[in-house]
Amino acid sequence: MGEKASLKAFLDQHLHYAWTDNIDALVADYADDAILFTPDAVINGRSNIREFLADFLDNKPPEFPADIKFMAKEFGNDVIYIVWSCGPTIPYATETFVLKNGMITAQTFAACPLHK
């Protein structure tokens, strides 16, 4: 994957899945042994990440995704880094995605205030 355009296309599609509540497609972007790092937990494996994502989508702020604003989107070496906000509920969030063979193998997610 690696190229900036390919990484941008991957991110755009991944975000589309989140914004349209397409949990099956969203989770399919993750490798079976993917790991997600959050301030509260380290989540191992696609099925556990699915639970985390389903909980996020079930409890997302009312402004999501209409009020999402990106302060940064950076791409390189199979890594995507984003900084975003979503209205008053999530004034600051950051995520990093590490990809291998077109799949997310590792991700970080932190939001302020923390969204559980």
Protein backbone atom coordinates (compact mmCIF):
# COMPACT_ATOMS: atom_id res chain seq x y z
CA MET A 1 0.00 0.00 0.00
CA GLY A 2 2.37 2.73 1.24
CA GLU A 3 1.68 5.48 -1.28
CA LYS A 4 0.02 8.61 0.06
CA ALA A 5 -2.90 8.35 -2.40
CA SER A 6 -3.56 4.71 -1.45
CA LEU A 7 -3.43 5.51 2.25
CA LYS A 8 -5.75 8.48 1.78
CA ALA A 9 -8.21 6.31 -0.16
CA PHE A 10 -8.07 3.68 2.61
CA LEU A 11 -8.76 6.31 5.28
CA ASP A 12 -11.61 7.86 3.30
CA GLN A 13 -13.28 4.45 2.93
CA HIS A 14 -12.68 3.52 6.58
CA LEU A 15 -14.21 6.81 7.74
CA HIS A 16 -17.17 6.29 5.41
CA TYR A 17 -17.85 2.96 7.10
CA ALA A 18 -17.77 4.63 10.53
CA TRP A 19 -19.96 7.53 9.44
CA THR A 20 -22.57 5.21 7.94
CA ASP A 21 -22.55 2.77 10.91
CA ASN A 22 -21.36 -0.07 8.66
CA ILE A 23 -19.79 -2.08 11.47
CA ASP A 24 -19.15 -5.18 9.35
CA ALA A 25 -17.17 -3.25 6.72
CA LEU A 26 -15.41 -1.20 9.40
CA VAL A 27 -14.22 -4.29 11.25
CA ALA A 28 -13.20 -5.99 7.99
CA ASP A 29 -10.45 -3.35 7.67
CA TYR A 30 -8.66 -4.91 10.67
CA ALA A 31 -6.34 -7.90 10.60
CA ASP A 32 -7.43 -10.85 12.75
CA ASP A 33 -4.62 -10.15 15.22
CA ALA A 34 -4.89 -6.34 15.16
CA ILE A 35 -4.29 -4.38 18.35
CA LEU A 36 -5.96 -1.14 19.44
CA PHE A 37 -4.33 1.07 22.06
CA THR A 38 -6.57 3.46 24.04
CA PRO A 39 -5.95 5.37 27.28
CA ASP A 40 -8.20 2.87 29.06
CA ALA A 41 -7.21 -0.46 27.54
CA VAL A 42 -5.20 -2.40 25.03
CA ILE A 43 -7.65 -4.30 22.88
CA ASN A 44 -6.42 -7.40 21.09
CA GLY A 45 -8.01 -9.10 18.12
CA ARG A 46 -10.64 -8.24 15.57
CA SER A 47 -13.58 -9.53 17.64
CA ASN A 48 -12.64 -7.41 20.66
CA ILE A 49 -12.03 -4.39 18.43
CA ARG A 50 -15.49 -4.99 16.98
CA GLU A 51 -16.97 -4.68 20.48
CA PHE A 52 -15.09 -1.42 21.06
CA LEU A 53 -16.20 0.04 17.72
CA ALA A 54 -19.81 -1.11 18.17
CA ASP A 55 -19.88 0.56 21.58
CA PHE A 56 -18.44 3.77 20.09
CA LEU A 57 -21.01 3.81 17.29
CA ASP A 58 -23.87 2.99 19.68
CA ASN A 59 -22.83 5.85 21.99
CA LYS A 60 -21.42 8.33 19.51
CA PRO A 61 -21.98 12.03 20.10
CA PRO A 62 -25.06 13.50 18.42
CA GLU A 63 -22.73 15.70 16.33
CA PHE A 64 -20.99 12.66 14.80
CA PRO A 65 -20.15 12.80 11.92
CA ALA A 66 -21.71 16.11 10.79
CA ASP A 67 -19.43 18.28 12.95
CA ILE A 68 -16.14 16.41 12.44
CA LYS A 69 -13.28 18.70 11.58
CA PHE A 70 -9.77 17.48 10.79
CA MET A 71 -6.77 19.43 12.05
CA ALA A 72 -4.29 16.95 10.57
CA LYS A 73 -4.17 14.03 8.15
CA GLU A 74 -0.70 12.64 7.54
CA PHE A 75 0.29 9.62 5.47
CA GLY A 76 3.52 7.67 5.00
CA ASN A 77 5.23 4.29 5.32
CA ASP A 78 1.91 2.44 5.75
CA VAL A 79 0.93 4.76 8.61
CA ILE A 80 -2.02 7.14 8.80
CA TYR A 81 -2.15 9.84 11.49
CA ILE A 82 -5.22 12.00 12.07
CA VAL A 83 -6.22 14.70 14.54
CA TRP A 84 -9.88 15.65 14.64
CA SER A 85 -12.67 17.20 16.68
CA CYS A 86 -16.43 16.71 16.77
CA GLY A 87 -18.37 19.60 18.21
CA PRO A 88 -18.32 20.28 21.95
CA THR A 89 -18.47 16.59 22.85
CA ILE A 90 -15.04 15.69 21.45
CA PRO A 91 -12.96 18.87 21.16
CA TYR A 92 -9.78 16.90 20.40
CA ALA A 93 -9.04 13.35 19.23
CA THR A 94 -6.08 11.64 17.66
CA GLU A 95 -5.67 8.31 15.93
CA THR A 96 -2.83 6.46 14.29
CA PHE A 97 -3.37 3.49 11.97
CA VAL A 98 -0.57 1.09 11.03
CA LEU A 99 -1.33 -0.98 7.94
CA LYS A 100 0.19 -4.13 6.52
CA ASN A 101 -1.06 -5.72 3.30
CA GLY A 102 -3.98 -3.30 3.23
CA MET A 103 -5.22 -4.18 6.72
CA ILE A 104 -5.02 -2.29 10.00
CA THR A 105 -2.60 -4.18 12.24
CA ALA A 106 -2.31 -1.56 14.98
CA GLN A 107 -4.23 1.56 15.94
CA THR A 108 -4.09 4.19 18.65
CA PHE A 109 -7.13 6.20 19.70
CA ALA A 110 -7.42 8.96 22.29
CA ALA A 111 -10.09 11.61 22.67
CA CYS A 112 -10.52 14.45 25.08
CA PRO A 113 -12.67 14.18 26.95
CA LEU A 114 -12.31 10.43 26.83
CA HIS A 115 -15.20 8.79 25.05
CA LYS A 116 -16.08 5.40 26.49
